[in-house]
Protein backbone atom coordinates (compact mmCIF):
# COMPACT_ATOMS: atom_id res chain seq x y z
CA MET A 1 142.07 220.80 111.66
CA GLY A 2 143.27 218.63 108.78
CA LYS A 3 143.04 214.86 108.77
CA THR A 4 146.12 212.73 109.20
CA ASP A 5 147.07 210.24 106.50
CA ASN A 6 145.59 207.42 108.59
CA GLU A 7 142.34 209.32 109.06
CA LYS A 8 142.10 210.01 105.31
CA ALA A 9 142.55 206.32 104.61
CA LYS A 10 139.59 205.46 106.87
CA VAL A 11 137.24 207.38 104.58
CA HIS A 12 137.67 204.60 102.01
CA HIS A 13 135.75 201.77 103.71
CA GLY A 14 138.13 201.80 106.64
CA LYS A 15 141.01 200.37 104.57
CA LYS A 16 144.13 201.97 103.24
CA ARG A 17 144.24 201.66 99.49
CA GLY A 18 147.19 199.96 97.83
CA MET A 19 148.56 200.45 94.33
CA LYS A 20 146.02 200.65 91.53
CA PRO A 21 145.86 197.78 89.04
CA ARG A 22 148.33 198.28 86.16
CA SER A 23 145.51 198.89 83.69
CA LYS A 24 144.22 201.76 85.86
CA ARG A 25 147.50 203.55 86.49
CA ASN A 26 147.87 206.84 84.68
CA ARG A 27 151.46 206.73 83.58
CA PRO A 28 153.20 207.20 80.25
CA SER A 29 154.70 204.27 78.38
CA ARG A 30 158.44 204.42 77.91
CA GLY A 31 161.12 202.06 76.72
CA GLY A 32 161.02 199.88 73.66
CA ILE A 33 163.19 199.26 70.65
CA GLY A 34 166.03 201.68 70.11
CA ILE A 35 164.67 204.43 72.36
CA LEU A 36 168.07 205.62 73.46
CA THR A 37 167.94 209.41 73.13
CA GLY A 38 169.65 211.23 75.98
CA MET A 39 170.94 208.09 77.64
CA ALA A 40 174.49 209.27 78.22
CA THR A 41 177.46 207.09 79.07
CA GLY A 42 179.34 209.71 80.98
CA LYS A 43 179.88 211.70 77.77
CA ASP A 44 177.59 213.97 75.84
CA SER A 45 175.10 212.04 73.73
CA SER A 46 174.92 212.66 70.01
CA PRO A 47 172.32 212.18 67.27
CA ASP A 48 174.16 208.97 66.42
CA ASP A 49 172.95 207.55 69.72
CA ASP A 50 169.40 207.22 68.38
CA ALA A 51 168.40 203.83 67.01
CA SER A 52 165.34 202.64 65.16
CA SER A 53 164.00 199.18 64.39
CA SER A 54 164.09 200.15 60.72
CA LEU A 55 167.88 200.36 61.00
CA VAL A 56 168.27 196.84 62.35
CA GLN A 57 169.90 194.48 59.85
CA ILE A 58 167.72 191.46 59.08
CA ASP A 59 168.87 188.67 56.76
CA ILE A 60 166.96 185.75 55.21
CA LEU A 61 169.45 182.91 54.79
CA PRO A 62 169.26 179.34 53.46
CA LEU A 63 169.26 176.77 56.25
CA LYS A 64 172.56 175.00 55.65
CA LEU A 65 176.01 174.79 57.17
CA PRO A 66 178.50 177.58 56.31
CA GLY A 67 180.37 176.65 53.13
CA ASP A 68 177.86 173.97 52.14
CA ASN A 69 176.89 174.21 48.47
CA CYS A 70 173.76 172.06 48.73
CA GLN A 71 170.44 173.42 47.49
CA THR A 72 167.60 173.91 49.98
CA ASN A 73 164.30 175.75 50.06
CA ARG A 74 164.38 176.04 53.86
CA ARG A 75 165.16 179.51 55.19
CA ILE A 76 165.88 181.18 58.52
CA ARG A 77 165.43 184.79 59.53
CA VAL A 78 168.45 186.32 61.24
CA VAL A 79 168.17 189.56 63.22
CA ARG A 80 171.60 191.09 63.72
CA PRO A 81 172.39 192.46 67.22
CA TYR A 82 170.87 195.87 67.97
CA PRO A 83 170.48 198.32 70.89
CA PHE A 84 167.35 197.63 72.89
CA THR A 85 165.73 199.01 76.02
CA PHE A 86 164.20 196.47 78.38
CA ALA A 87 161.67 198.55 80.30
CA THR A 88 159.37 197.38 83.09
CA PHE A 89 157.30 199.01 85.80
CA ALA A 90 158.13 198.15 89.39
CA LYS A 91 156.49 195.00 90.66
CA GLN A 92 154.91 194.93 94.11
CA ARG A 93 157.68 192.70 95.53
CA TRP A 94 160.33 195.20 94.39
CA LEU A 95 159.03 198.14 96.41
CA GLY A 96 161.39 199.31 99.18
CA ARG A 97 164.41 197.50 97.69
CA THR A 98 167.42 199.06 96.03
CA VAL A 99 167.66 199.08 92.26
CA LEU A 100 170.93 197.15 92.46
CA ASP A 101 169.39 194.44 94.65
CA ILE A 102 166.48 194.04 92.21
CA TYR A 103 168.68 193.57 89.15
CA ASP A 104 171.11 191.32 91.00
CA THR A 105 168.42 188.96 92.34
CA GLU A 106 165.62 189.15 89.77
CA PHE A 107 167.66 188.97 86.56
CA GLY A 108 170.31 186.35 85.95
CA SER A 109 172.14 187.23 82.74
CA TYR A 110 174.96 189.17 84.42
CA PRO A 111 176.89 189.14 87.72
CA LYS A 112 176.44 191.86 90.32
CA CYS A 113 179.54 193.78 89.20
CA TYR A 114 177.94 194.34 85.79
CA TYR A 115 174.75 195.81 87.25
CA GLU A 116 176.77 198.12 89.49
CA ALA A 117 178.65 199.47 86.48
CA ALA A 118 175.52 199.64 84.32
CA ILE A 119 173.70 201.76 86.90
CA LYS A 120 176.68 204.12 87.23
CA GLU A 121 177.07 204.37 83.44
CA GLY A 122 173.40 205.15 82.86
CA ARG A 123 172.61 201.94 81.02
CA ILE A 124 170.09 201.24 83.76
CA LEU A 125 167.74 204.16 84.40
CA VAL A 126 164.77 204.79 86.65
CA ASN A 127 162.03 206.93 85.13
CA GLY A 128 164.45 207.94 82.38
CA GLU A 129 167.07 209.32 84.78
CA LYS A 130 170.38 208.14 86.20
CA VAL A 131 170.30 207.03 89.83
CA ASP A 132 172.85 205.57 92.22
CA CYS A 133 172.98 201.91 93.21
CA GLU A 134 171.26 202.56 96.54
CA TYR A 135 168.16 204.15 95.00
CA ILE A 136 165.01 202.77 96.68
CA VAL A 137 162.41 201.65 94.16
CA LYS A 138 158.89 203.05 94.65
CA GLY A 139 155.48 202.41 93.14
CA ASN A 140 155.03 203.67 89.54
CA ASP A 141 158.81 203.62 88.97
CA GLU A 142 159.88 202.39 85.56
CA LEU A 143 163.19 200.58 85.30
CA ALA A 144 164.94 200.57 81.93
CA HIS A 145 168.04 198.63 80.90
CA VAL A 146 169.82 199.32 77.59
CA VAL A 147 171.57 196.30 76.09
CA HIS A 148 173.01 195.02 72.84
CA ARG A 149 170.30 192.50 72.04
CA HIS A 150 171.07 189.17 70.36
CA GLU A 151 167.97 187.28 69.14
CA PRO A 152 167.85 183.60 68.19
CA ALA A 153 167.13 182.90 64.52
CA VAL A 154 163.76 181.46 63.48
CA GLU A 155 162.64 179.42 60.50
CA VAL A 156 160.30 181.08 57.99
CA ALA A 157 158.23 179.76 55.10
CA PRO A 158 160.31 177.94 52.47
CA THR A 159 160.98 179.49 49.09
CA GLN A 160 158.48 178.58 46.41
CA GLU A 161 159.72 177.25 43.08
CA GLY A 162 160.41 180.14 40.71
CA CYS A 163 159.89 182.70 43.50
CA PRO A 164 163.12 183.32 45.48
CA GLU A 165 161.54 186.33 47.24
CA SER A 166 158.69 184.31 48.73
CA PRO A 167 156.99 185.88 51.80
CA CYS A 168 158.33 184.78 55.17
CA ILE A 169 154.79 184.04 56.37
CA LYS A 170 152.14 182.42 54.19
CA VAL A 171 148.78 184.22 54.42
CA ILE A 172 145.74 181.94 54.14
CA HIS A 173 143.01 184.55 54.46
CA GLU A 174 142.77 188.27 55.16
CA ASP A 175 139.88 190.69 55.44
CA ASP A 176 139.14 193.94 57.26
CA ASN A 177 138.82 192.22 60.63
CA LEU A 178 141.42 189.45 60.75
CA ILE A 179 144.35 187.74 59.10
CA VAL A 180 144.87 183.97 59.06
CA VAL A 181 148.38 182.62 58.48
CA ASP A 182 150.38 179.40 58.44
CA LYS A 183 152.86 180.03 61.27
CA PRO A 184 156.24 178.33 60.84
CA CYS A 185 157.57 176.38 63.81
CA THR A 186 160.14 178.17 66.04
CA VAL A 187 158.35 181.53 65.56
CA PRO A 188 156.57 182.89 68.68
CA ILE A 189 153.31 184.74 68.04
CA HIS A 190 154.27 187.84 70.02
CA PRO A 191 157.53 189.15 71.53
CA CYS A 192 158.55 187.02 74.50
CA GLY A 193 161.70 185.77 76.17
CA GLY A 194 164.66 186.15 73.81
CA TYR A 195 162.42 186.87 70.81
CA ASN A 196 161.32 190.34 69.73
CA LEU A 197 161.75 191.25 66.07
CA ASN A 198 161.70 187.53 65.29
CA SER A 199 158.08 187.22 66.43
CA LEU A 200 155.05 186.68 64.18
CA PHE A 201 153.70 190.16 64.99
CA HIS A 202 156.89 191.88 63.84
CA ILE A 203 157.49 189.66 60.79
CA LEU A 204 153.95 190.21 59.52
CA SER A 205 154.22 193.96 60.14
CA GLU A 206 157.37 194.08 58.03
CA GLN A 207 155.73 191.96 55.35
CA ASN A 208 152.71 194.29 55.36
CA PRO A 209 153.40 197.68 57.05
CA SER A 210 149.66 198.42 57.30
CA LEU A 211 149.46 195.74 60.03
CA LYS A 212 151.96 197.48 62.32
CA GLY A 213 150.44 198.09 65.74
CA SER A 214 147.11 196.50 64.77
CA LEU A 215 147.57 192.79 65.46
CA PHE A 216 145.94 191.07 68.44
CA ASN A 217 146.02 187.50 69.73
CA VAL A 218 142.90 185.37 69.25
CA HIS A 219 144.28 182.03 70.48
CA ARG A 220 147.53 180.38 71.62
CA LEU A 221 149.97 178.36 69.54
CA ASP A 222 153.28 177.25 71.03
CA ARG A 223 156.49 178.59 69.47
CA LEU A 224 157.65 175.10 68.48
CA THR A 225 154.26 174.24 66.93
CA SER A 226 153.45 175.18 63.34
CA GLY A 227 150.19 175.84 61.59
CA LEU A 228 147.03 177.86 61.45
CA THR A 229 147.09 181.06 63.48
CA ILE A 230 144.26 183.61 63.59
CA LEU A 231 145.12 187.21 64.41
CA ALA A 232 142.59 190.00 64.83
CA LYS A 233 143.10 193.52 63.51
CA SER A 234 141.42 195.15 66.51
CA SER A 235 141.03 194.39 70.19
CA GLU A 236 137.25 194.27 69.71
CA THR A 237 137.52 191.54 67.07
CA ALA A 238 140.00 189.64 69.22
CA THR A 239 137.57 189.71 72.14
CA VAL A 240 134.64 188.51 70.02
CA LEU A 241 136.59 185.66 68.38
CA GLY A 242 138.19 184.72 71.70
CA LYS A 243 134.73 184.23 73.19
CA CYS A 244 133.72 182.13 70.17
CA ILE A 245 136.67 179.82 70.73
CA MET A 246 135.68 179.40 74.38
CA ILE A 247 132.34 177.85 73.30
CA ARG A 248 133.57 174.26 73.05
CA ASP A 249 130.69 172.75 71.08
CA LYS A 250 130.89 175.59 68.53
CA CYS A 251 134.66 175.51 67.98
CA HIS A 252 136.51 172.63 66.31
CA LYS A 253 140.31 172.38 66.14
CA VAL A 254 142.20 169.78 64.14
CA TYR A 255 145.94 169.05 64.48
CA LEU A 256 148.38 166.68 62.82
CA ALA A 257 151.14 165.02 64.82
CA ARG A 258 153.88 162.49 64.06
CA VAL A 259 154.51 160.16 66.98
CA LYS A 260 156.83 157.33 67.94
CA GLY A 261 155.71 153.76 67.35
CA LYS A 262 152.54 152.11 66.07
CA PHE A 263 149.83 154.31 67.55
CA PRO A 264 148.04 153.45 69.83
CA LEU A 265 149.48 150.00 70.58
CA ASN A 266 151.72 151.31 73.41
CA ALA A 267 148.80 152.74 75.40
CA PRO A 268 148.97 151.69 79.10
CA VAL A 269 145.53 150.09 79.03
CA ASN A 270 146.48 147.21 81.30
CA SER A 271 147.87 149.39 84.08
CA HIS A 272 146.53 152.82 85.00
CA LEU A 273 144.21 153.57 82.05
CA GLU A 274 140.74 152.03 82.07
CA ARG A 275 138.36 151.76 79.16
CA ALA A 276 135.05 153.55 79.56
CA THR A 277 131.88 151.93 78.31
CA SER A 278 128.97 153.36 76.35
CA GLU A 279 126.95 153.42 79.56
CA LEU A 280 129.13 156.04 81.21
CA LEU A 281 131.30 158.49 79.26
CA PRO A 282 133.00 161.71 80.33
CA SER A 283 132.31 165.03 78.61
CA ASN A 284 135.17 167.48 78.05
CA GLY A 285 137.29 165.36 80.38
CA GLU A 286 134.74 165.31 83.21
CA TRP A 287 132.15 162.75 84.21
CA ASN A 288 128.82 163.96 82.89
CA ARG A 289 126.59 162.35 85.49
CA SER A 290 126.68 161.43 89.16
CA GLY A 291 126.43 158.03 90.75
CA ASN A 292 128.55 154.92 91.07
CA GLY A 293 130.66 156.71 93.67
CA LEU A 294 132.22 159.08 91.12
CA ASP A 295 133.54 162.44 92.29
CA LEU A 296 132.25 165.06 89.84
CA SER A 297 134.89 167.57 90.97
CA GLU A 298 137.71 165.45 89.50
CA GLY A 299 138.65 164.97 85.88
CA ALA A 300 138.17 161.60 84.28
CA THR A 301 141.06 159.24 83.45
CA CYS A 302 139.94 156.76 80.82
CA TYR A 303 139.65 156.05 77.10
CA TRP A 304 136.97 154.80 74.72
CA LEU A 305 136.74 153.94 71.02
CA THR A 306 134.16 154.96 68.42
CA ASP A 307 133.30 153.54 65.00
CA CYS A 308 133.06 155.30 61.63
CA LYS A 309 129.59 156.60 62.60
CA GLY A 310 130.84 158.13 65.82
CA GLN A 311 129.14 155.52 68.00
CA VAL A 312 130.91 153.97 70.98
CA ASP A 313 131.83 150.41 70.08
CA ASP A 314 133.10 148.19 72.87
CA THR A 315 134.20 145.55 70.34
CA ILE A 316 136.80 147.75 68.59
CA LEU A 317 140.40 147.00 69.61
CA LEU A 318 143.45 149.26 69.70
CA LYS A 319 144.96 147.36 66.78
CA ASP A 320 141.86 148.24 64.75
CA ILE A 321 142.61 151.94 65.35
CA PHE A 322 146.18 151.44 64.08
CA GLU A 323 145.23 149.35 61.07
CA THR A 324 142.47 151.68 59.87
CA ARG A 325 144.01 154.48 57.78
CA THR A 326 142.22 157.80 57.44
CA ASN A 327 142.59 159.82 54.23
CA ILE A 328 143.03 163.39 55.43
CA ALA A 329 142.45 164.64 51.89
CA ASN A 330 138.77 164.04 52.71
CA LEU A 331 138.86 166.17 55.85
CA GLY A 332 135.60 168.06 56.08
CA GLU A 333 134.58 171.08 58.08
CA ASN A 334 134.53 170.64 61.88
CA GLY A 335 137.13 167.89 61.47
CA GLN A 336 134.77 165.22 60.18
CA LEU A 337 136.36 162.22 58.43
CA ALA A 338 134.35 159.49 56.77
CA GLY A 339 135.32 155.98 57.78
CA ALA A 340 137.59 157.01 60.66
CA LEU A 341 137.90 155.03 63.87
CA TRP A 342 138.69 157.24 66.86
CA LEU A 343 140.44 156.80 70.19
CA HIS A 344 139.16 159.29 72.77
CA LEU A 345 141.34 160.03 75.82
CA ALA A 346 140.34 161.84 79.01
CA VAL A 347 143.30 162.55 81.32
CA PRO A 348 143.79 165.68 83.48
CA VAL A 349 146.83 167.89 82.80
CA ASP A 350 148.54 170.48 84.94
CA VAL A 351 151.29 173.13 84.79
CA ILE A 352 154.05 172.13 87.21
CA ASP A 353 156.63 174.80 86.32
CA GLU A 354 154.98 177.97 85.07
CA LYS A 355 158.26 179.87 84.65
CA ASN A 356 159.72 177.27 82.28
CA GLY A 357 156.39 176.16 80.79
CA VAL A 358 156.59 172.53 81.93
CA CYS A 359 153.39 170.50 82.31
CA GLN A 360 152.41 166.94 83.19
CA ALA A 361 149.49 164.60 82.61
CA GLY A 362 147.71 162.58 85.29
CA SER A 363 146.45 165.34 87.58
CA GLY A 364 145.14 168.87 87.36
CA LYS A 365 142.43 170.28 85.09
CA PRO A 366 140.14 167.97 83.08
CA ALA A 367 141.32 167.47 79.49
CA GLN A 368 140.10 165.41 76.55
CA THR A 369 141.51 164.68 73.06
CA SER A 370 140.40 162.43 70.20
CA PHE A 371 142.85 160.68 67.84
CA THR A 372 142.70 158.78 64.55
CA VAL A 373 145.51 157.26 62.45
CA VAL A 374 146.51 158.75 59.09
CA GLY A 375 149.58 156.73 58.13
CA TYR A 376 152.58 154.76 59.35
CA ASP A 377 156.25 154.90 58.29
CA ARG A 378 158.17 151.65 58.79
CA GLU A 379 161.58 153.22 58.20
CA THR A 380 161.32 155.52 61.23
CA ASP A 381 158.67 153.54 63.13
CA SER A 382 156.45 156.60 63.42
CA THR A 383 152.73 157.22 62.97
CA ILE A 384 150.90 160.26 61.64
CA VAL A 385 147.82 160.92 63.76
CA LEU A 386 145.07 163.46 63.51
CA ALA A 387 144.16 165.01 66.88
CA LYS A 388 141.04 166.92 67.93
CA PRO A 389 141.33 168.56 71.37
CA GLU A 390 137.96 168.88 73.07
CA THR A 391 139.48 171.13 75.74
CA GLY A 392 142.26 173.68 75.44
CA ARG A 393 144.82 172.98 78.18
CA THR A 394 148.45 174.02 77.85
CA HIS A 395 150.46 171.38 75.92
CA GLN A 396 147.40 169.11 76.04
CA ILE A 397 148.00 167.14 72.81
CA ARG A 398 151.71 166.70 73.54
CA LEU A 399 150.95 165.46 77.07
CA HIS A 400 148.18 163.10 76.02
CA LEU A 401 150.35 161.51 73.33
CA GLN A 402 153.15 161.04 75.86
CA TYR A 403 150.67 159.53 78.32
CA LEU A 404 149.57 157.03 75.67
CA GLY A 405 153.17 155.90 75.19
CA HIS A 406 153.50 157.60 71.79
CA PRO A 407 155.21 160.97 72.30
CA ILE A 408 155.69 163.33 69.38
CA GLY A 409 158.87 161.99 67.81
CA ASN A 410 160.98 165.14 67.98
CA ASP A 411 159.49 166.71 71.13
CA PRO A 412 162.40 166.51 73.62
CA ASN A 413 160.32 168.01 76.43
CA TYR A 414 157.78 165.19 76.47
CA GLY A 415 159.50 161.94 75.60
CA GLY A 416 160.79 162.60 72.07
CA GLU A 417 164.28 163.12 70.66
CA ILE A 418 165.31 166.42 69.11
CA HIS A 419 166.21 164.91 65.71
CA PHE A 420 164.11 161.73 65.79
CA GLY A 421 163.77 160.16 62.35
CA ASP A 422 165.72 162.94 60.62
CA THR A 423 169.22 161.74 59.80
CA VAL A 424 170.12 164.86 57.82
CA ALA A 425 169.15 167.22 60.66
CA HIS A 426 171.07 165.06 63.15
CA GLN A 427 174.22 165.13 61.00
CA MET A 428 173.98 168.91 60.56
CA CYS A 429 173.53 169.33 64.31
CA GLU A 430 176.63 167.26 65.10
CA LYS A 431 178.71 169.21 62.58
CA ALA A 432 177.43 172.51 64.04
CA LYS A 433 178.39 171.38 67.57
CA LYS A 434 181.93 170.54 66.44
CA LEU A 435 182.35 173.93 64.75
CA ILE A 436 181.07 175.82 67.82
CA ASN A 437 183.29 173.84 70.19
CA ALA A 438 186.25 174.55 67.90
CA TYR A 439 185.39 178.28 68.03
CA ASN A 440 185.29 178.14 71.83
CA ILE A 441 188.74 176.52 72.03
CA ARG A 442 190.24 178.91 69.49
CA THR A 443 188.89 181.95 71.36
CA ASP A 444 189.99 180.83 74.84
CA ASP A 445 186.38 180.09 75.72
CA ALA A 446 186.85 176.38 76.35
CA SER A 447 185.63 176.72 79.93
CA ARG A 448 182.06 177.13 78.70
CA PRO A 449 179.86 173.99 78.56
CA VAL A 450 180.36 171.75 75.54
CA ASP A 451 177.88 172.44 72.70
CA SER A 452 176.66 175.61 74.45
CA THR A 453 175.43 178.60 72.44
CA ILE A 454 176.50 182.19 73.13
CA SER A 455 173.39 183.05 75.13
CA ASP A 456 172.60 179.93 77.14
CA THR A 457 175.10 180.63 79.94
CA PRO A 458 175.15 183.82 82.02
CA ALA A 459 178.02 186.29 81.80
CA THR A 460 180.81 185.83 84.33
CA GLU A 461 182.73 188.44 86.31
CA LYS A 462 185.83 187.56 84.31
CA GLU A 463 183.99 188.29 81.06
CA ILE A 464 182.63 191.57 82.42
CA GLU A 465 186.13 192.65 83.41
CA LYS A 466 187.49 191.58 80.02
CA VAL A 467 185.14 193.72 77.94
CA GLY A 468 185.78 196.71 80.21
CA ILE A 469 182.30 197.52 81.42
CA GLY A 470 182.51 200.80 83.28
CA LEU A 471 185.78 201.87 81.63
CA HIS A 472 185.57 204.48 78.88
CA LYS A 473 188.21 204.91 76.26
CA GLN A 474 190.07 207.94 77.47
CA GLY A 475 190.27 210.86 75.05
CA ILE A 476 188.12 209.18 72.39
CA HIS A 477 184.56 210.25 71.64
CA GLU A 478 182.37 207.17 71.85
CA THR A 479 178.68 207.15 71.00
CA LEU A 480 176.30 205.15 73.12
CA MET A 481 175.86 202.59 70.37
CA GLU A 482 179.63 202.15 70.09
CA PHE A 483 179.90 201.81 73.85
CA ILE A 484 177.09 199.23 73.98
CA LYS A 485 178.66 197.11 71.26
CA ARG A 486 182.18 197.32 72.72
CA THR A 487 180.99 196.23 76.16
CA CYS A 488 178.68 193.42 74.94
CA VAL A 489 179.69 190.07 76.43
CA TRP A 490 177.78 188.16 73.74
CA CYS A 491 179.65 189.96 70.95
CA ASP A 492 182.95 189.25 72.70
CA ARG A 493 182.08 185.58 72.91
CA ILE A 494 181.66 185.12 69.16
CA LYS A 495 184.86 187.04 68.25
CA GLY A 496 183.47 188.16 64.91
CA GLU A 497 182.33 184.66 63.95
CA ASP A 498 178.81 184.31 62.56
CA ARG A 499 177.40 181.47 64.66
CA THR A 500 173.71 182.22 64.08
CA ILE A 501 173.01 179.30 61.76
CA LEU A 502 175.14 176.92 63.84
CA GLU A 503 173.21 177.78 66.99
CA PHE A 504 169.89 177.35 65.18
CA LEU A 505 170.96 173.86 64.03
CA ILE A 506 171.79 172.87 67.62
CA ARG A 507 168.45 173.99 69.04
CA SER A 508 165.11 172.31 68.43
CA GLN A 509 163.86 173.23 64.96
CA GLY A 510 160.26 172.77 66.00
CA ILE A 511 158.14 169.71 66.74
CA TRP A 512 155.89 167.56 64.58
CA LEU A 513 152.67 169.17 65.72
CA HIS A 514 150.70 171.26 63.22
CA ALA A 515 147.44 173.19 63.64
CA LEU A 516 145.64 172.11 60.47
CA GLN A 517 142.08 173.41 60.71
CA TYR A 518 139.96 175.76 62.84
CA GLN A 519 136.21 176.13 62.61
CA MET A 520 134.05 178.32 64.83
CA GLU A 521 130.74 180.12 64.92
CA GLY A 522 131.56 183.79 64.39
CA PRO A 523 129.30 186.83 64.69
CA GLN A 524 128.42 186.52 60.98
CA GLY A 525 128.14 182.75 60.75
CA THR A 526 130.47 179.78 60.54
CA ILE A 527 134.08 180.39 59.57
CA CYS A 528 136.53 177.61 58.71
CA TYR A 529 140.19 177.86 57.71
CA GLN A 530 142.73 175.18 56.83
CA THR A 531 146.45 175.17 56.03
CA ASP A 532 148.40 172.95 53.65
CA PHE A 533 149.68 169.69 55.08
CA PRO A 534 153.18 169.95 56.61
CA GLU A 535 156.05 168.32 54.74
CA TRP A 536 156.69 165.77 57.49
CA SER A 537 153.17 164.32 57.25
CA PHE A 538 154.03 162.45 54.01
CA LYS A 539 150.66 163.66 52.69
CA HIS A 540 151.38 162.45 49.16
CA THR A 541 151.47 158.79 50.20
CA HIS A 542 150.01 156.74 53.04
CA LYS A 543 152.76 154.24 53.87
CA SER A 544 151.55 150.96 55.30
């Protein structure tokens, strides 16, 4: 007599097994860029329906307002809209729900009427096949949604004098195992969010086709942060280097930042930030010994100052830190600087909104950063500081500078202003806003928020009805690509206008935080890489 399903489950330690981890599931990978073959729209598909990333139009344009004749070496990379398949395997919380309910509640770019039409038209498939709106999603199901993808532009490396075809990404070092580059701000390392072809992985692969499919993350660097980025050419190398970075006393990171005010004179030392003494100092943001009623399970919140020999000196004042300039041209390996006075800060940080990447300082995981002053600019009342994070928390340097009362000048997420100290960028932004608002009025799109870009507000039912989603042109053969473009809300919003540069000028063009140097103990000895100094660091002169 055969066992029932319940009896079979008891063989496995008395528990019914759930879904296997994603890494253990034996299922083919589908979806991706331009994989559109056989995805009909109610008509027979044709060879013209196929799309390839090699057919996507990509332009490198000077960063200036349309019609402006000024000369600039700054460039942006513009990916023109292209067909794209967003594919994802069913999440645990989706199981037992209808495909329409999942798209309507889990994704917010379109109203429900769009998803209904998209499922009926075959622009949303399950396991590569058309289903009806009431299809119940099961484990191992793959959901795929074909869209006309619009990517934000990103800034790339500036043109070099006498070399108009300069590479988009500057390579600092490359060997058989890794490649080290100077990542421009606004470029994400890997595809994420609205960025795909405008990611560092894709740009490098186009710059050097031999890298395609063989780049792996070694460490994090925020999209808005520029500077040194190490990428491995194999997963094995990435694992080895990743472990090296985790050894704190063997890995040294050095950043440059430009902050508001005379650093560190705004530090809240008379309120909620105490000064530690040489008798008791934290290590990596945590108290390194017991006693005196300290709770070792909590991160430290304090600061201390060290002299040019690295010794704690209780007689040094905050104004001494500000008045002592450090010549970063003398930066040695592991971030050593002769004659530098340092402010060391230990304050816990925590992620408070994981979805939107928002963090705060004052509670959470132990964190510690050291700072020294490089230069001061009276005109903008901003200070260049060199920062050495002793721990690697998310947004740690940005949070610690904000906590000290000196946020990164143009970091709008943590106390800065998007165009702080940059009159030219502010003027270009205001002109771009006026042009976009004029476009909106001229195209009967005045109901959208002022200064909004084409992709920062979800599609409305009125817009869906206007572009005719779900209505084919009767009697006219229409390829899938033609159908996708005709029914694209984002294309309808721009009415043929090229707003890419305008929208880039409105968004944040990166923050004044630059990864300058990395040193670590690798499998074959010490490795150390350093980028050039960023333009905003006024490296050629130390203003006093």
